[in-house]
Amino acid sequence: MVSMLLEDFLDDLGCAVVGPAFNLEEASTLATAGEFDVAILDVNLGGERTFSVADQLDRNGKPFAFATGYGAAGLRDEDEGRPVLQKPFTLDDLKKVIDDLGADAQVPAMKS
């Protein structure tokens, strides 16, 4: 349900959605392909932490934000300062994160 809401919000913002990924393997494949401008990466994807995908995105120079119900407290020390989309979120919250990332095009929704 959350991924459908995120997709609807992104569509409302005029973004082209790539994905979503429902597990770590799918998220890693999308991150490797890099056919997007920014990513919204759930910290917990299908019961697995997504920090390896975050590292992949960072190595590839792809801006991303974490989506989590834990806020910044659920991130690693090295992710301090990274944009966080706090769950539950509103359309305005998502718009602010997308604006902060500087994107208006294709966004993979990597959500559980």
C-alpha atoms as a PDB file:
ATOM      1  CA  MET A   1       0.000   0.000   0.000  1.00  0.00           C
ATOM      2  CA  VAL A   2       2.803   2.430   0.848  1.00  0.00           C
ATOM      3  CA  SER A   3       4.512   1.839  -2.506  1.00  0.00           C
ATOM      4  CA  MET A   4       1.225   2.490  -4.332  1.00  0.00           C
ATOM      5  CA  LEU A   5       0.756   5.735  -2.405  1.00  0.00           C
ATOM      6  CA  LEU A   6       4.327   6.770  -3.185  1.00  0.00           C
ATOM      7  CA  GLU A   7       3.818   6.013  -6.883  1.00  0.00           C
ATOM      8  CA  ASP A   8       0.578   8.029  -6.916  1.00  0.00           C
ATOM      9  CA  PHE A   9       2.269  10.974  -5.198  1.00  0.00           C
ATOM     10  CA  LEU A  10       5.217  10.856  -7.605  1.00  0.00           C
ATOM     11  CA  ASP A  11       2.807  10.766 -10.525  1.00  0.00           C
ATOM     12  CA  ASP A  12       0.986  13.787  -9.058  1.00  0.00           C
ATOM     13  CA  LEU A  13       4.341  15.592  -8.950  1.00  0.00           C
ATOM     14  CA  GLY A  14       4.959  14.802 -12.620  1.00  0.00           C
ATOM     15  CA  CYS A  15       7.730  12.284 -11.995  1.00  0.00           C
ATOM     16  CA  ALA A  16       8.268   9.196 -14.137  1.00  0.00           C
ATOM     17  CA  VAL A  17       8.489   6.227 -11.772  1.00  0.00           C
ATOM     18  CA  VAL A  18      11.061   3.485 -12.371  1.00  0.00           C
ATOM     19  CA  GLY A  19      10.305   0.430 -10.278  1.00  0.00           C
ATOM     20  CA  PRO A  20       9.213  -0.137  -7.610  1.00  0.00           C
ATOM     21  CA  ALA A  21      11.595  -2.707  -6.179  1.00  0.00           C
ATOM     22  CA  PHE A  22      10.127  -5.037  -3.592  1.00  0.00           C
ATOM     23  CA  ASN A  23      13.337  -6.750  -2.488  1.00  0.00           C
ATOM     24  CA  LEU A  24      17.040  -6.064  -2.155  1.00  0.00           C
ATOM     25  CA  GLU A  25      17.939  -7.832  -5.417  1.00  0.00           C
ATOM     26  CA  GLU A  26      15.468  -5.741  -7.452  1.00  0.00           C
ATOM     27  CA  ALA A  27      16.658  -2.547  -5.757  1.00  0.00           C
ATOM     28  CA  SER A  28      20.283  -3.414  -6.495  1.00  0.00           C
ATOM     29  CA  THR A  29      19.446  -4.111 -10.145  1.00  0.00           C
ATOM     30  CA  LEU A  30      17.702  -0.737 -10.477  1.00  0.00           C
ATOM     31  CA  ALA A  31      20.566   1.037  -8.711  1.00  0.00           C
ATOM     32  CA  THR A  32      23.101  -0.582 -11.030  1.00  0.00           C
ATOM     33  CA  ALA A  33      21.128   0.281 -14.177  1.00  0.00           C
ATOM     34  CA  GLY A  34      21.026   3.912 -13.099  1.00  0.00           C
ATOM     35  CA  GLU A  35      18.218   4.899 -15.471  1.00  0.00           C
ATOM     36  CA  PHE A  36      16.783   7.507 -13.090  1.00  0.00           C
ATOM     37  CA  ASP A  37      17.581  10.899 -11.625  1.00  0.00           C
ATOM     38  CA  VAL A  38      16.994  10.232  -7.917  1.00  0.00           C
ATOM     39  CA  ALA A  39      15.845   7.368  -5.714  1.00  0.00           C
ATOM     40  CA  ILE A  40      13.578   7.020  -2.713  1.00  0.00           C
ATOM     41  CA  LEU A  41      15.046   4.093  -0.796  1.00  0.00           C
ATOM     42  CA  ASP A  42      13.185   2.437   2.038  1.00  0.00           C
ATOM     43  CA  VAL A  43      15.606   1.558   4.836  1.00  0.00           C
ATOM     44  CA  ASN A  44      13.813  -1.768   5.299  1.00  0.00           C
ATOM     45  CA  LEU A  45      12.960  -3.511   2.043  1.00  0.00           C
ATOM     46  CA  GLY A  46      11.278  -6.883   2.362  1.00  0.00           C
ATOM     47  CA  GLY A  47      12.759  -7.336   5.829  1.00  0.00           C
ATOM     48  CA  GLU A  48      16.304  -6.487   4.734  1.00  0.00           C
ATOM     49  CA  ARG A  49      18.304  -3.323   5.370  1.00  0.00           C
ATOM     50  CA  THR A  50      19.083  -1.460   2.154  1.00  0.00           C
ATOM     51  CA  PHE A  51      22.371   0.144   3.110  1.00  0.00           C
ATOM     52  CA  SER A  52      24.262  -1.850   0.454  1.00  0.00           C
ATOM     53  CA  VAL A  53      21.973  -0.288  -2.177  1.00  0.00           C
ATOM     54  CA  ALA A  54      22.538   3.144  -0.612  1.00  0.00           C
ATOM     55  CA  ASP A  55      26.287   2.586  -0.958  1.00  0.00           C
ATOM     56  CA  GLN A  56      25.782   1.562  -4.588  1.00  0.00           C
ATOM     57  CA  LEU A  57      23.751   4.700  -5.323  1.00  0.00           C
ATOM     58  CA  ASP A  58      26.360   6.846  -3.620  1.00  0.00           C
ATOM     59  CA  ARG A  59      29.222   5.263  -5.617  1.00  0.00           C
ATOM     60  CA  ASN A  60      27.267   5.913  -8.821  1.00  0.00           C
ATOM     61  CA  GLY A  61      26.673   9.545  -7.857  1.00  0.00           C
ATOM     62  CA  LYS A  62      22.890   9.118  -7.756  1.00  0.00           C
ATOM     63  CA  PRO A  63      21.103  11.366  -5.262  1.00  0.00           C
ATOM     64  CA  PHE A  64      18.686   9.555  -2.991  1.00  0.00           C
ATOM     65  CA  ALA A  65      16.614   9.909   0.130  1.00  0.00           C
ATOM     66  CA  PHE A  66      15.747   7.295   2.686  1.00  0.00           C
ATOM     67  CA  ALA A  67      12.118   6.525   3.509  1.00  0.00           C
ATOM     68  CA  THR A  68      11.681   5.247   7.042  1.00  0.00           C
ATOM     69  CA  GLY A  69       9.369   5.302  10.000  1.00  0.00           C
ATOM     70  CA  TYR A  70      12.386   5.673  12.293  1.00  0.00           C
ATOM     71  CA  GLY A  71      13.521   9.046  10.968  1.00  0.00           C
ATOM     72  CA  ALA A  72      17.208   9.898  10.982  1.00  0.00           C
ATOM     73  CA  ALA A  73      17.652   7.668  14.057  1.00  0.00           C
ATOM     74  CA  GLY A  74      17.262   4.611  11.791  1.00  0.00           C
ATOM     75  CA  LEU A  75      20.248   5.555   9.616  1.00  0.00           C
ATOM     76  CA  ARG A  76      23.926   4.688   9.856  1.00  0.00           C
ATOM     77  CA  ASP A  77      26.405   7.332  10.995  1.00  0.00           C
ATOM     78  CA  GLU A  78      27.733   7.676   7.431  1.00  0.00           C
ATOM     79  CA  ASP A  79      24.241   8.607   6.232  1.00  0.00           C
ATOM     80  CA  GLU A  80      23.929  11.555   8.612  1.00  0.00           C
ATOM     81  CA  GLY A  81      22.564  14.544   6.723  1.00  0.00           C
ATOM     82  CA  ARG A  82      21.017  12.414   3.963  1.00  0.00           C
ATOM     83  CA  PRO A  83      17.432  13.466   3.158  1.00  0.00           C
ATOM     84  CA  VAL A  84      14.813  11.409   4.989  1.00  0.00           C
ATOM     85  CA  LEU A  85      11.190  10.949   4.004  1.00  0.00           C
ATOM     86  CA  GLN A  86       9.583  10.259   7.376  1.00  0.00           C
ATOM     87  CA  LYS A  87       6.722   7.739   7.262  1.00  0.00           C
ATOM     88  CA  PRO A  88       3.860   8.398   7.280  1.00  0.00           C
ATOM     89  CA  PHE A  89       4.426  11.150   4.744  1.00  0.00           C
ATOM     90  CA  THR A  90       2.297  13.604   2.816  1.00  0.00           C
ATOM     91  CA  LEU A  91       2.495  14.807  -0.773  1.00  0.00           C
ATOM     92  CA  ASP A  92       4.097  18.020   0.507  1.00  0.00           C
ATOM     93  CA  ASP A  93       6.728  16.008   2.428  1.00  0.00           C
ATOM     94  CA  LEU A  94       7.598  14.078  -0.723  1.00  0.00           C
ATOM     95  CA  LYS A  95       7.717  17.241  -2.831  1.00  0.00           C
ATOM     96  CA  LYS A  96      10.163  18.826  -0.385  1.00  0.00           C
ATOM     97  CA  VAL A  97      12.455  15.779  -0.493  1.00  0.00           C
ATOM     98  CA  ILE A  98      12.339  15.651  -4.308  1.00  0.00           C
ATOM     99  CA  ASP A  99      13.056  19.396  -4.461  1.00  0.00           C
ATOM    100  CA  ASP A 100      15.944  18.977  -1.996  1.00  0.00           C
ATOM    101  CA  LEU A 101      17.395  16.260  -4.224  1.00  0.00           C
ATOM    102  CA  GLY A 102      17.096  18.581  -7.229  1.00  0.00           C
ATOM    103  CA  ALA A 103      15.140  16.232  -9.450  1.00  0.00           C
ATOM    104  CA  ASP A 104      11.999  16.371 -11.513  1.00  0.00           C
ATOM    105  CA  ALA A 105      12.225  13.326 -13.745  1.00  0.00           C
ATOM    106  CA  GLN A 106      12.539   9.574 -13.228  1.00  0.00           C
ATOM    107  CA  VAL A 107      12.438   8.366  -9.648  1.00  0.00           C
ATOM    108  CA  PRO A 108      12.638   4.662  -8.721  1.00  0.00           C
ATOM    109  CA  ALA A 109      10.388   3.924  -5.796  1.00  0.00           C
ATOM    110  CA  MET A 110      12.308   1.312  -3.836  1.00  0.00           C
ATOM    111  CA  LYS A 111       9.710   0.490  -1.226  1.00  0.00           C
ATOM    112  CA  SER A 112       8.652  -2.522   0.782  1.00  0.00           C
END
